[in-house]
């Protein structure tokens, strides 16, 4: 197959924009702030939107991600922290290839009450495979921008945050917000994990507070 570099460039550019949607809406706001920290209330329609795009980003099971993130907050950089690069090494965390064989039920018990999360937990592999096949059948260039780039963004962004966001304890890295949807305010987040908007460059938090939450006082 001969690569059409013009189509590849278009796929990469549009894919980058698509990654911003997935990162800001689904991963930073939906998976992290909504499901993991219960920072706001929203509609069932948005919950489905979060779950579908979370599965496109391929963070594996959303219940597993949320539970492991709660463990990270419970014992930051300690023995229970599942992605502590100071224990696991840089590459395993940077490439998000670390594994968590089991999760204490206290970190996940409430998550099984949400049928959208349970759906994502049960069917994320089947969804991902089906999505990738459909994208590739449409066009390899479409697959690159719509499927592989969000997967790559999620892996690299999560690894980046877990290393640079804990370079010297919880650390702010606003420069990471372009790939993390505002979660570069990592020190602020650890100090106030229930706060939705973390700073003036937190686009994900702003959008959630302005448009997607249903519990904001008028």
N, C-alpha and C. Protein backbone atom coordinates (compact mmCIF):
# COMPACT_ATOMS: atom_id res chain seq x y z
N UNK A 1 0.84 -1.21 0.00
CA UNK A 1 0.00 0.00 0.00
C UNK A 1 0.87 1.25 0.00
N UNK A 2 0.63 2.14 -0.94
CA UNK A 2 1.34 3.41 -1.00
C UNK A 2 0.62 4.45 -0.14
N UNK A 3 1.39 5.12 0.70
CA UNK A 3 0.79 6.10 1.60
C UNK A 3 0.50 7.39 0.85
N UNK A 4 -0.72 7.85 0.95
CA UNK A 4 -1.10 9.17 0.43
C UNK A 4 -0.85 10.17 1.55
N UNK A 5 0.23 10.91 1.44
CA UNK A 5 0.65 11.78 2.54
C UNK A 5 -0.31 12.93 2.78
N UNK A 6 -1.00 13.35 1.74
CA UNK A 6 -1.99 14.42 1.94
C UNK A 6 -3.16 13.91 2.78
N UNK A 7 -3.66 12.70 2.46
CA UNK A 7 -4.73 12.12 3.26
C UNK A 7 -4.25 11.84 4.68
N UNK A 8 -3.01 11.38 4.80
CA UNK A 8 -2.46 11.10 6.13
C UNK A 8 -2.38 12.38 6.96
N UNK A 9 -2.00 13.48 6.34
CA UNK A 9 -1.91 14.76 7.05
C UNK A 9 -3.29 15.21 7.50
N UNK A 10 -4.30 15.08 6.61
CA UNK A 10 -5.66 15.45 6.98
C UNK A 10 -6.16 14.56 8.13
N UNK A 11 -5.90 13.27 8.03
CA UNK A 11 -6.34 12.34 9.08
C UNK A 11 -5.68 12.66 10.41
N UNK A 12 -4.42 13.04 10.37
CA UNK A 12 -3.70 13.38 11.60
C UNK A 12 -4.22 14.67 12.21
N UNK A 13 -4.45 15.68 11.36
CA UNK A 13 -4.97 16.95 11.87
C UNK A 13 -6.35 16.82 12.47
N UNK A 14 -7.26 16.15 11.73
CA UNK A 14 -8.61 15.95 12.25
C UNK A 14 -8.60 15.00 13.43
N UNK A 15 -7.69 14.03 13.40
CA UNK A 15 -7.56 13.10 14.52
C UNK A 15 -7.12 13.82 15.79
N UNK A 16 -6.25 14.80 15.63
CA UNK A 16 -5.81 15.57 16.79
C UNK A 16 -6.99 16.31 17.42
N UNK A 17 -7.85 16.89 16.59
CA UNK A 17 -9.04 17.58 17.10
C UNK A 17 -9.98 16.59 17.78
N UNK A 18 -10.13 15.41 17.18
CA UNK A 18 -10.98 14.37 17.77
C UNK A 18 -10.41 13.93 19.12
N UNK A 19 -9.09 13.85 19.21
CA UNK A 19 -8.45 13.49 20.49
C UNK A 19 -8.76 14.50 21.57
N UNK A 20 -8.84 15.79 21.20
CA UNK A 20 -9.18 16.80 22.19
C UNK A 20 -10.59 16.61 22.73
N UNK A 21 -11.52 16.22 21.85
CA UNK A 21 -12.88 15.93 22.30
C UNK A 21 -12.89 14.75 23.26
N UNK A 22 -12.23 13.67 22.86
CA UNK A 22 -12.19 12.47 23.70
C UNK A 22 -11.52 12.77 25.03
N UNK A 23 -10.39 13.48 24.98
CA UNK A 23 -9.62 13.76 26.20
C UNK A 23 -10.39 14.67 27.15
N UNK A 24 -10.88 15.80 26.64
CA UNK A 24 -11.55 16.76 27.51
C UNK A 24 -12.89 16.23 28.02
N UNK A 25 -13.72 15.75 27.10
CA UNK A 25 -15.08 15.36 27.46
C UNK A 25 -15.13 14.02 28.20
N UNK A 26 -14.52 13.00 27.63
CA UNK A 26 -14.70 11.65 28.17
C UNK A 26 -13.72 11.29 29.26
N UNK A 27 -12.43 11.55 29.04
CA UNK A 27 -11.42 11.06 29.98
C UNK A 27 -11.27 12.00 31.16
N UNK A 28 -10.94 13.27 30.89
CA UNK A 28 -10.71 14.21 31.99
C UNK A 28 -11.99 14.49 32.78
N UNK A 29 -13.07 14.83 32.06
CA UNK A 29 -14.31 15.19 32.74
C UNK A 29 -15.11 13.94 33.14
N UNK A 30 -15.38 13.07 32.18
CA UNK A 30 -16.25 11.93 32.45
C UNK A 30 -15.65 10.89 33.35
N UNK A 31 -14.55 10.31 32.92
CA UNK A 31 -13.94 9.22 33.69
C UNK A 31 -13.35 9.70 35.00
N UNK A 32 -12.59 10.79 34.92
CA UNK A 32 -11.85 11.24 36.10
C UNK A 32 -12.72 12.04 37.08
N UNK A 33 -13.29 13.12 36.63
CA UNK A 33 -13.97 14.02 37.56
C UNK A 33 -15.37 13.54 37.93
N UNK A 34 -16.06 12.95 36.93
CA UNK A 34 -17.44 12.53 37.21
C UNK A 34 -17.49 11.15 37.88
N UNK A 35 -16.97 10.13 37.21
CA UNK A 35 -17.09 8.78 37.75
C UNK A 35 -16.16 8.53 38.93
N UNK A 36 -14.93 9.03 38.88
CA UNK A 36 -13.97 8.73 39.95
C UNK A 36 -14.19 9.59 41.18
N UNK A 37 -14.52 10.88 40.96
CA UNK A 37 -14.57 11.80 42.10
C UNK A 37 -15.97 12.37 42.40
N UNK A 38 -16.94 12.05 41.57
CA UNK A 38 -18.32 12.52 41.81
C UNK A 38 -18.37 14.03 42.05
N UNK A 39 -17.66 14.78 41.20
CA UNK A 39 -17.57 16.23 41.40
C UNK A 39 -18.83 16.97 40.99
N UNK A 40 -19.68 16.36 40.18
CA UNK A 40 -20.89 17.04 39.72
C UNK A 40 -21.91 15.99 39.29
N UNK A 41 -23.13 16.43 39.03
CA UNK A 41 -24.19 15.56 38.52
C UNK A 41 -24.45 15.91 37.06
N UNK A 42 -24.85 14.90 36.30
CA UNK A 42 -25.16 15.14 34.89
C UNK A 42 -26.25 14.18 34.44
N UNK A 43 -26.63 14.25 33.17
CA UNK A 43 -27.72 13.44 32.64
C UNK A 43 -27.23 12.05 32.24
N UNK A 44 -28.19 11.13 32.08
CA UNK A 44 -27.87 9.78 31.62
C UNK A 44 -27.28 9.83 30.21
N UNK A 45 -27.77 10.77 29.39
CA UNK A 45 -27.24 10.91 28.03
C UNK A 45 -25.75 11.22 28.06
N UNK A 46 -25.33 12.11 28.95
CA UNK A 46 -23.90 12.42 29.06
C UNK A 46 -23.14 11.22 29.63
N UNK A 47 -23.73 10.48 30.54
CA UNK A 47 -23.06 9.28 31.05
C UNK A 47 -22.77 8.31 29.92
N UNK A 48 -23.74 8.12 29.02
CA UNK A 48 -23.51 7.25 27.86
C UNK A 48 -22.44 7.84 26.95
N UNK A 49 -22.48 9.15 26.76
CA UNK A 49 -21.45 9.80 25.95
C UNK A 49 -20.07 9.59 26.54
N UNK A 50 -19.95 9.73 27.86
CA UNK A 50 -18.68 9.48 28.53
C UNK A 50 -18.21 8.06 28.27
N UNK A 51 -19.09 7.09 28.51
CA UNK A 51 -18.71 5.68 28.42
C UNK A 51 -18.27 5.31 27.01
N UNK A 52 -19.02 5.73 26.01
CA UNK A 52 -18.68 5.37 24.63
C UNK A 52 -17.31 5.93 24.25
N UNK A 53 -17.06 7.19 24.56
CA UNK A 53 -15.77 7.78 24.21
C UNK A 53 -14.64 7.24 25.08
N UNK A 54 -14.95 6.88 26.33
CA UNK A 54 -13.94 6.25 27.19
C UNK A 54 -13.48 4.93 26.57
N UNK A 55 -14.43 4.16 26.02
CA UNK A 55 -14.06 2.89 25.39
C UNK A 55 -13.26 3.12 24.12
N UNK A 56 -13.54 4.21 23.40
CA UNK A 56 -12.74 4.55 22.21
C UNK A 56 -11.31 4.88 22.63
N UNK A 57 -11.15 5.58 23.76
CA UNK A 57 -9.81 5.91 24.25
C UNK A 57 -9.07 4.68 24.76
N UNK A 58 -9.81 3.63 25.05
CA UNK A 58 -9.22 2.37 25.49
C UNK A 58 -8.40 2.53 26.77
N UNK A 59 -9.06 2.95 27.84
CA UNK A 59 -8.41 2.97 29.14
C UNK A 59 -8.67 1.64 29.87
N UNK A 60 -8.99 0.63 29.08
CA UNK A 60 -9.39 -0.68 29.57
C UNK A 60 -10.74 -0.55 30.28
N UNK A 61 -11.02 -1.38 31.27
CA UNK A 61 -12.32 -1.28 31.92
C UNK A 61 -12.45 0.02 32.70
N UNK A 62 -13.52 0.80 32.49
CA UNK A 62 -13.65 2.06 33.23
C UNK A 62 -13.76 1.85 34.74
N UNK A 63 -14.37 0.76 35.16
CA UNK A 63 -14.45 0.49 36.60
C UNK A 63 -13.05 0.24 37.16
N UNK A 64 -12.25 -0.52 36.43
CA UNK A 64 -10.88 -0.76 36.88
C UNK A 64 -10.07 0.53 36.94
N UNK A 65 -10.27 1.42 35.94
CA UNK A 65 -9.53 2.68 35.94
C UNK A 65 -9.92 3.53 37.15
N UNK A 66 -11.23 3.67 37.37
CA UNK A 66 -11.70 4.50 38.48
C UNK A 66 -11.21 3.95 39.82
N UNK A 67 -11.32 2.63 40.00
CA UNK A 67 -10.88 2.03 41.25
C UNK A 67 -9.38 2.22 41.46
N UNK A 68 -8.59 2.04 40.41
CA UNK A 68 -7.15 2.22 40.55
C UNK A 68 -6.81 3.68 40.83
N UNK A 69 -7.58 4.61 40.26
CA UNK A 69 -7.34 6.02 40.53
C UNK A 69 -7.67 6.37 41.98
N UNK A 70 -8.72 5.78 42.50
CA UNK A 70 -9.05 6.00 43.91
C UNK A 70 -7.96 5.44 44.82
N UNK A 71 -7.38 4.30 44.43
CA UNK A 71 -6.25 3.75 45.18
C UNK A 71 -5.07 4.71 45.14
N UNK A 72 -4.85 5.33 43.99
CA UNK A 72 -3.77 6.30 43.84
C UNK A 72 -3.94 7.47 44.81
N UNK A 73 -5.17 7.95 44.96
CA UNK A 73 -5.42 9.05 45.91
C UNK A 73 -5.33 8.57 47.35
N UNK A 74 -5.76 7.35 47.59
CA UNK A 74 -5.76 6.80 48.95
C UNK A 74 -4.34 6.64 49.50
N UNK A 75 -3.41 6.25 48.63
CA UNK A 75 -2.03 5.98 49.09
C UNK A 75 -1.04 6.52 48.05
N UNK A 76 -1.09 7.82 47.82
CA UNK A 76 -0.28 8.45 46.78
C UNK A 76 1.20 8.17 46.95
N UNK A 77 1.79 7.56 45.92
CA UNK A 77 3.21 7.21 45.88
C UNK A 77 3.60 6.22 46.97
N UNK A 78 2.59 5.51 47.50
CA UNK A 78 2.84 4.50 48.51
C UNK A 78 2.66 3.09 47.96
N UNK A 79 2.66 2.07 48.81
CA UNK A 79 2.57 0.68 48.36
C UNK A 79 1.28 0.35 47.59
N UNK A 80 0.18 1.06 47.89
CA UNK A 80 -1.08 0.77 47.20
C UNK A 80 -1.27 1.58 45.92
N UNK A 81 -0.37 2.50 45.65
CA UNK A 81 -0.47 3.31 44.44
C UNK A 81 -0.14 2.43 43.24
N UNK A 82 -1.10 2.16 42.35
CA UNK A 82 -0.87 1.18 41.27
C UNK A 82 0.02 1.66 40.13
N UNK A 83 0.27 2.98 40.05
CA UNK A 83 1.13 3.48 38.97
C UNK A 83 2.18 4.46 39.50
N UNK A 84 2.86 4.04 40.56
CA UNK A 84 3.94 4.83 41.15
C UNK A 84 5.23 4.53 40.39
N UNK A 85 5.65 5.45 39.53
CA UNK A 85 6.82 5.18 38.68
C UNK A 85 8.10 5.02 39.50
N UNK A 86 8.11 5.54 40.73
CA UNK A 86 9.30 5.41 41.56
C UNK A 86 9.49 3.97 42.04
N UNK A 87 8.42 3.18 41.97
CA UNK A 87 8.48 1.76 42.31
C UNK A 87 8.49 0.89 41.06
N UNK A 88 7.68 1.24 40.07
CA UNK A 88 7.51 0.41 38.88
C UNK A 88 8.50 0.71 37.76
N UNK A 89 9.10 1.88 37.80
CA UNK A 89 10.00 2.29 36.74
C UNK A 89 9.30 3.20 35.74
N UNK A 90 10.11 3.97 35.01
CA UNK A 90 9.55 4.97 34.11
C UNK A 90 8.76 4.37 32.96
N UNK A 91 9.31 3.39 32.28
CA UNK A 91 8.71 2.94 31.03
C UNK A 91 7.37 2.25 31.24
N UNK A 92 7.26 1.46 32.28
CA UNK A 92 6.00 0.76 32.53
C UNK A 92 4.88 1.75 32.79
N UNK A 93 5.20 2.85 33.48
CA UNK A 93 4.20 3.88 33.77
C UNK A 93 4.01 4.79 32.56
N UNK A 94 5.10 5.16 31.90
CA UNK A 94 5.02 6.07 30.74
C UNK A 94 4.18 5.48 29.62
N UNK A 95 4.26 4.18 29.42
CA UNK A 95 3.52 3.52 28.34
C UNK A 95 2.21 2.89 28.82
N UNK A 96 1.89 3.11 30.10
CA UNK A 96 0.68 2.57 30.71
C UNK A 96 0.56 1.06 30.46
N UNK A 97 1.63 0.35 30.77
CA UNK A 97 1.62 -1.11 30.66
C UNK A 97 1.63 -1.79 32.02
N UNK A 98 1.49 -1.00 33.09
CA UNK A 98 1.40 -1.58 34.42
C UNK A 98 0.09 -2.35 34.56
N UNK A 99 0.07 -3.29 35.47
CA UNK A 99 -1.10 -4.13 35.65
C UNK A 99 -1.52 -4.12 37.10
N UNK A 100 -2.79 -4.37 37.33
CA UNK A 100 -3.34 -4.41 38.68
C UNK A 100 -4.18 -5.68 38.81
N UNK A 101 -3.60 -6.75 39.33
CA UNK A 101 -4.29 -8.05 39.36
C UNK A 101 -5.61 -8.04 40.13
N UNK A 102 -5.67 -7.27 41.21
CA UNK A 102 -6.90 -7.23 42.00
C UNK A 102 -7.06 -5.85 42.62
N UNK A 103 -8.31 -5.50 42.90
CA UNK A 103 -8.64 -4.20 43.48
C UNK A 103 -9.48 -4.43 44.74
N UNK A 104 -9.09 -3.86 45.88
CA UNK A 104 -9.94 -3.96 47.07
C UNK A 104 -11.34 -3.43 46.76
N UNK A 105 -12.36 -4.18 47.14
CA UNK A 105 -13.73 -3.87 46.74
C UNK A 105 -14.18 -2.50 47.24
N UNK A 106 -13.59 -2.00 48.33
CA UNK A 106 -14.02 -0.71 48.86
C UNK A 106 -13.80 0.44 47.87
N UNK A 107 -12.89 0.25 46.91
CA UNK A 107 -12.63 1.30 45.93
C UNK A 107 -13.56 1.23 44.74
N UNK A 108 -14.36 0.16 44.65
CA UNK A 108 -15.19 -0.02 43.46
C UNK A 108 -16.65 -0.37 43.75
N UNK A 109 -17.00 -0.58 45.01
CA UNK A 109 -18.33 -1.10 45.34
C UNK A 109 -19.46 -0.26 44.75
N UNK A 110 -19.39 1.06 44.88
CA UNK A 110 -20.46 1.93 44.40
C UNK A 110 -20.56 1.97 42.88
N UNK A 111 -19.46 1.63 42.19
CA UNK A 111 -19.42 1.74 40.73
C UNK A 111 -20.35 0.73 40.06
N UNK A 112 -20.57 -0.41 40.71
CA UNK A 112 -21.42 -1.45 40.13
C UNK A 112 -22.90 -1.10 40.21
N UNK A 113 -23.23 0.00 40.87
CA UNK A 113 -24.62 0.47 40.91
C UNK A 113 -24.99 1.25 39.66
N UNK A 114 -23.99 1.61 38.85
CA UNK A 114 -24.24 2.39 37.63
C UNK A 114 -24.23 1.45 36.42
N UNK A 115 -25.38 1.24 35.78
CA UNK A 115 -25.44 0.28 34.66
C UNK A 115 -24.59 0.70 33.45
N UNK A 116 -24.35 1.99 33.26
CA UNK A 116 -23.49 2.42 32.15
C UNK A 116 -22.04 1.99 32.41
N UNK A 117 -21.58 2.15 33.63
CA UNK A 117 -20.24 1.69 33.98
C UNK A 117 -20.11 0.18 33.86
N UNK A 118 -21.14 -0.52 34.31
CA UNK A 118 -21.12 -1.99 34.22
C UNK A 118 -21.06 -2.44 32.77
N UNK A 119 -21.81 -1.76 31.90
CA UNK A 119 -21.76 -2.06 30.47
C UNK A 119 -20.34 -1.89 29.93
N UNK A 120 -19.71 -0.75 30.25
CA UNK A 120 -18.35 -0.52 29.81
C UNK A 120 -17.38 -1.54 30.37
N UNK A 121 -17.61 -1.96 31.60
CA UNK A 121 -16.75 -2.95 32.26
C UNK A 121 -16.85 -4.30 31.56
N UNK A 122 -18.05 -4.67 31.15
CA UNK A 122 -18.26 -5.99 30.53
C UNK A 122 -17.86 -6.04 29.06
N UNK A 123 -18.09 -4.94 28.35
CA UNK A 123 -18.01 -5.02 26.88
C UNK A 123 -16.96 -4.11 26.25
N UNK A 124 -16.03 -3.57 27.03
CA UNK A 124 -15.09 -2.62 26.44
C UNK A 124 -14.21 -3.26 25.36
N UNK A 125 -13.83 -4.52 25.55
CA UNK A 125 -12.99 -5.18 24.54
C UNK A 125 -13.76 -5.39 23.24
N UNK A 126 -14.98 -5.91 23.36
CA UNK A 126 -15.81 -6.16 22.16
C UNK A 126 -16.09 -4.85 21.43
N UNK A 127 -16.39 -3.80 22.19
CA UNK A 127 -16.67 -2.50 21.58
C UNK A 127 -15.43 -1.99 20.85
N UNK A 128 -14.28 -2.07 21.50
CA UNK A 128 -13.06 -1.54 20.91
C UNK A 128 -12.70 -2.27 19.63
N UNK A 129 -12.76 -3.60 19.66
CA UNK A 129 -12.43 -4.39 18.46
C UNK A 129 -13.39 -4.04 17.31
N UNK A 130 -14.68 -3.97 17.62
CA UNK A 130 -15.67 -3.65 16.59
C UNK A 130 -15.43 -2.25 16.02
N UNK A 131 -15.16 -1.31 16.88
CA UNK A 131 -14.90 0.07 16.45
C UNK A 131 -13.67 0.15 15.56
N UNK A 132 -12.61 -0.53 15.95
CA UNK A 132 -11.38 -0.50 15.16
C UNK A 132 -11.60 -1.15 13.80
N UNK A 133 -12.33 -2.25 13.75
CA UNK A 133 -12.58 -2.93 12.46
C UNK A 133 -13.40 -2.03 11.53
N UNK A 134 -14.46 -1.43 12.08
CA UNK A 134 -15.30 -0.55 11.26
C UNK A 134 -14.49 0.64 10.74
N UNK A 135 -13.69 1.25 11.61
CA UNK A 135 -12.87 2.39 11.18
C UNK A 135 -11.89 1.99 10.08
N UNK A 136 -11.29 0.82 10.23
CA UNK A 136 -10.30 0.39 9.23
C UNK A 136 -10.97 0.05 7.90
N UNK A 137 -12.18 -0.52 7.97
CA UNK A 137 -12.90 -0.83 6.74
C UNK A 137 -13.33 0.44 6.00
N UNK A 138 -13.62 1.49 6.75
CA UNK A 138 -13.93 2.77 6.09
C UNK A 138 -12.69 3.27 5.35
N UNK A 139 -11.56 3.27 6.05
CA UNK A 139 -10.30 3.70 5.44
C UNK A 139 -9.19 3.55 6.48
N UNK A 140 -8.01 3.10 6.07
CA UNK A 140 -6.88 3.08 7.01
C UNK A 140 -6.56 4.46 7.57
N UNK A 141 -6.78 5.49 6.76
CA UNK A 141 -6.54 6.85 7.24
C UNK A 141 -7.58 7.25 8.28
N UNK A 142 -8.82 6.82 8.07
CA UNK A 142 -9.87 7.08 9.06
C UNK A 142 -9.55 6.35 10.36
N UNK A 143 -9.09 5.11 10.25
CA UNK A 143 -8.71 4.33 11.44
C UNK A 143 -7.60 5.05 12.20
N UNK A 144 -6.62 5.58 11.48
CA UNK A 144 -5.50 6.28 12.13
C UNK A 144 -6.00 7.46 12.96
N UNK A 145 -6.85 8.29 12.38
CA UNK A 145 -7.29 9.49 13.07
C UNK A 145 -8.38 9.25 14.10
N UNK A 146 -9.32 8.34 13.78
CA UNK A 146 -10.49 8.15 14.64
C UNK A 146 -10.30 7.09 15.72
N UNK A 147 -9.39 6.14 15.50
CA UNK A 147 -9.24 5.03 16.43
C UNK A 147 -7.86 4.99 17.10
N UNK A 148 -6.81 4.96 16.29
CA UNK A 148 -5.49 4.78 16.87
C UNK A 148 -5.00 6.02 17.61
N UNK A 149 -5.22 7.21 17.06
CA UNK A 149 -4.72 8.41 17.73
C UNK A 149 -5.34 8.63 19.12
N UNK A 150 -6.66 8.44 19.32
CA UNK A 150 -7.19 8.55 20.68
C UNK A 150 -6.60 7.52 21.63
N UNK A 151 -6.38 6.32 21.13
CA UNK A 151 -5.72 5.27 21.91
C UNK A 151 -4.32 5.72 22.34
N UNK A 152 -3.56 6.26 21.39
CA UNK A 152 -2.21 6.72 21.67
C UNK A 152 -2.21 7.90 22.63
N UNK A 153 -3.11 8.85 22.41
CA UNK A 153 -3.23 10.02 23.28
C UNK A 153 -3.49 9.60 24.72
N UNK A 154 -4.42 8.66 24.90
CA UNK A 154 -4.78 8.23 26.25
C UNK A 154 -3.60 7.57 26.95
N UNK A 155 -2.89 6.71 26.24
CA UNK A 155 -1.75 6.01 26.82
C UNK A 155 -0.64 6.99 27.20
N UNK A 156 -0.27 7.83 26.24
CA UNK A 156 0.82 8.78 26.47
C UNK A 156 0.43 9.83 27.51
N UNK A 157 -0.80 10.35 27.40
CA UNK A 157 -1.23 11.38 28.35
C UNK A 157 -1.30 10.87 29.77
N UNK A 158 -1.84 9.67 29.95
CA UNK A 158 -1.94 9.10 31.30
C UNK A 158 -0.55 8.83 31.87
N UNK A 159 0.33 8.28 31.04
CA UNK A 159 1.69 8.04 31.50
C UNK A 159 2.42 9.33 31.83
N UNK A 160 2.23 10.35 30.98
CA UNK A 160 2.85 11.65 31.22
C UNK A 160 2.42 12.23 32.56
N UNK A 161 1.12 12.17 32.83
CA UNK A 161 0.60 12.72 34.08
C UNK A 161 1.15 11.98 35.29
N UNK A 162 1.21 10.66 35.19
CA UNK A 162 1.65 9.87 36.34
C UNK A 162 3.14 10.02 36.64
N UNK A 163 3.90 10.52 35.66
CA UNK A 163 5.32 10.78 35.90
C UNK A 163 5.55 12.24 36.25
N UNK A 164 5.22 13.15 35.32
CA UNK A 164 5.50 14.57 35.56
C UNK A 164 4.57 15.17 36.61
N UNK A 165 3.39 14.58 36.79
CA UNK A 165 2.49 15.06 37.83
C UNK A 165 2.89 14.61 39.22
N UNK A 166 3.94 13.77 39.29
CA UNK A 166 4.46 13.32 40.59
C UNK A 166 5.98 13.36 40.61
N UNK A 167 6.53 14.34 39.91
CA UNK A 167 7.98 14.45 39.81
C UNK A 167 8.61 14.70 41.18
N UNK A 168 7.95 15.53 41.97
CA UNK A 168 8.42 15.83 43.33
C UNK A 168 7.18 15.90 44.22
N UNK A 169 6.54 14.74 44.43
CA UNK A 169 5.23 14.73 45.03
C UNK A 169 4.23 15.22 44.00
N UNK A 170 2.94 15.36 44.35
CA UNK A 170 1.96 15.91 43.41
C UNK A 170 2.42 17.27 42.89
N UNK A 171 2.49 17.41 41.57
CA UNK A 171 3.10 18.59 40.95
C UNK A 171 2.20 19.12 39.84
N UNK A 172 2.03 20.44 39.79
CA UNK A 172 1.28 21.06 38.70
C UNK A 172 2.15 21.13 37.45
N UNK A 173 1.53 20.84 36.32
CA UNK A 173 2.21 20.97 35.03
C UNK A 173 1.20 21.48 34.02
N UNK A 174 0.94 22.78 34.07
CA UNK A 174 -0.10 23.36 33.22
C UNK A 174 0.20 23.11 31.75
N UNK A 175 1.47 22.97 31.40
CA UNK A 175 1.87 22.72 30.01
C UNK A 175 1.29 21.39 29.49
N UNK A 176 0.87 20.50 30.40
CA UNK A 176 0.31 19.22 29.98
C UNK A 176 -1.17 19.29 29.65
N UNK A 177 -1.80 20.43 29.88
CA UNK A 177 -3.25 20.52 29.72
C UNK A 177 -3.72 20.27 28.29
N UNK A 178 -2.88 20.51 27.30
CA UNK A 178 -3.28 20.32 25.90
C UNK A 178 -3.59 18.85 25.61
N UNK A 179 -2.99 17.95 26.37
CA UNK A 179 -3.24 16.53 26.15
C UNK A 179 -4.06 15.92 27.29
N UNK A 180 -4.23 16.67 28.38
CA UNK A 180 -4.88 16.12 29.57
C UNK A 180 -6.21 16.77 29.91
N UNK A 181 -6.67 17.72 29.11
CA UNK A 181 -7.98 18.31 29.34
C UNK A 181 -8.10 19.13 30.61
N UNK A 182 -6.99 19.62 31.14
CA UNK A 182 -7.02 20.42 32.36
C UNK A 182 -6.44 19.72 33.57
N UNK A 183 -6.17 18.43 33.45
CA UNK A 183 -5.67 17.67 34.60
C UNK A 183 -4.20 17.93 34.89
N UNK A 184 -3.58 18.83 34.12
CA UNK A 184 -2.22 19.22 34.44
C UNK A 184 -2.11 19.94 35.77
N UNK A 185 -3.23 20.46 36.26
CA UNK A 185 -3.24 21.06 37.61
C UNK A 185 -3.27 19.94 38.65
N UNK A 186 -2.23 19.13 38.66
CA UNK A 186 -2.29 17.89 39.43
C UNK A 186 -2.11 18.12 40.93
N UNK A 187 -1.26 19.03 41.31
CA UNK A 187 -1.10 19.35 42.73
C UNK A 187 -2.40 19.94 43.28
N UNK A 188 -3.01 20.84 42.50
CA UNK A 188 -4.29 21.41 42.91
C UNK A 188 -5.34 20.32 43.08
N UNK A 189 -5.34 19.35 42.17
CA UNK A 189 -6.32 18.27 42.23
C UNK A 189 -6.12 17.41 43.47
N UNK A 190 -4.88 17.09 43.81
CA UNK A 190 -4.63 16.27 44.99
C UNK A 190 -5.00 17.01 46.27
N UNK A 191 -4.80 18.30 46.27
CA UNK A 191 -5.14 19.09 47.46
C UNK A 191 -6.64 19.27 47.61
N UNK A 192 -7.36 19.37 46.47
CA UNK A 192 -8.81 19.57 46.50
C UNK A 192 -9.48 18.67 45.46
N UNK A 193 -9.53 17.36 45.74
CA UNK A 193 -10.05 16.41 44.74
C UNK A 193 -11.53 16.56 44.41
N UNK A 194 -12.27 17.31 45.21
CA UNK A 194 -13.70 17.51 44.92
C UNK A 194 -13.96 18.76 44.09
N UNK A 195 -12.92 19.54 43.83
CA UNK A 195 -13.09 20.80 43.08
C UNK A 195 -13.12 20.52 41.58
N UNK A 196 -14.11 21.07 40.89
CA UNK A 196 -14.28 20.81 39.46
C UNK A 196 -13.35 21.65 38.60
N UNK A 197 -13.35 22.96 38.77
CA UNK A 197 -12.51 23.86 37.96
C UNK A 197 -11.24 24.15 38.74
N UNK A 198 -10.09 23.77 38.17
CA UNK A 198 -8.84 23.83 38.92
C UNK A 198 -7.99 25.06 38.62
N UNK A 199 -8.27 25.75 37.53
CA UNK A 199 -7.48 26.93 37.18
C UNK A 199 -7.98 27.54 35.88
N UNK A 200 -7.40 28.66 35.49
CA UNK A 200 -7.92 29.39 34.33
C UNK A 200 -7.63 28.69 33.01
N UNK A 201 -6.71 27.73 33.00
CA UNK A 201 -6.43 26.97 31.78
C UNK A 201 -7.04 25.56 31.84
N UNK A 202 -8.00 25.39 32.72
CA UNK A 202 -8.69 24.10 32.85
C UNK A 202 -9.94 24.11 31.98
N UNK A 203 -9.77 23.83 30.69
CA UNK A 203 -10.89 23.89 29.76
C UNK A 203 -11.92 22.80 30.05
N UNK A 204 -11.47 21.61 30.40
CA UNK A 204 -12.40 20.54 30.73
C UNK A 204 -13.30 20.89 31.90
N UNK A 205 -12.70 21.41 32.96
CA UNK A 205 -13.49 21.80 34.13
C UNK A 205 -14.46 22.91 33.81
N UNK A 206 -14.01 23.89 33.00
CA UNK A 206 -14.89 25.00 32.62
C UNK A 206 -16.10 24.50 31.83
N UNK A 207 -15.86 23.65 30.83
CA UNK A 207 -16.96 23.15 30.00
C UNK A 207 -17.94 22.33 30.83
N UNK A 208 -17.42 21.50 31.73
CA UNK A 208 -18.31 20.70 32.58
C UNK A 208 -19.16 21.59 33.48
N UNK A 209 -18.52 22.61 34.06
CA UNK A 209 -19.23 23.51 34.96
C UNK A 209 -20.24 24.37 34.22
N UNK A 210 -19.90 24.75 33.00
CA UNK A 210 -20.74 25.68 32.24
C UNK A 210 -21.87 24.97 31.49
N UNK A 211 -21.60 23.78 30.96
CA UNK A 211 -22.56 23.17 30.03
C UNK A 211 -23.08 21.78 30.43
N UNK A 212 -22.30 20.99 31.14
CA UNK A 212 -22.65 19.58 31.28
C UNK A 212 -23.20 19.19 32.64
N UNK A 213 -22.97 19.99 33.66
CA UNK A 213 -23.48 19.63 34.98
C UNK A 213 -24.95 20.01 35.10
N UNK A 214 -25.69 19.26 35.88
CA UNK A 214 -27.12 19.53 36.08
C UNK A 214 -27.42 19.98 37.50
N UNK A 215 -26.41 20.08 38.34
CA UNK A 215 -26.63 20.41 39.75
C UNK A 215 -26.11 21.80 40.12
N UNK A 216 -25.80 22.62 39.11
CA UNK A 216 -25.27 23.95 39.42
C UNK A 216 -26.38 24.86 39.89
N UNK A 217 -26.11 25.57 40.97
CA UNK A 217 -27.10 26.49 41.52
C UNK A 217 -27.20 27.72 40.63
N UNK A 218 -28.44 28.13 40.35
CA UNK A 218 -28.66 29.30 39.50
C UNK A 218 -28.80 30.56 40.34
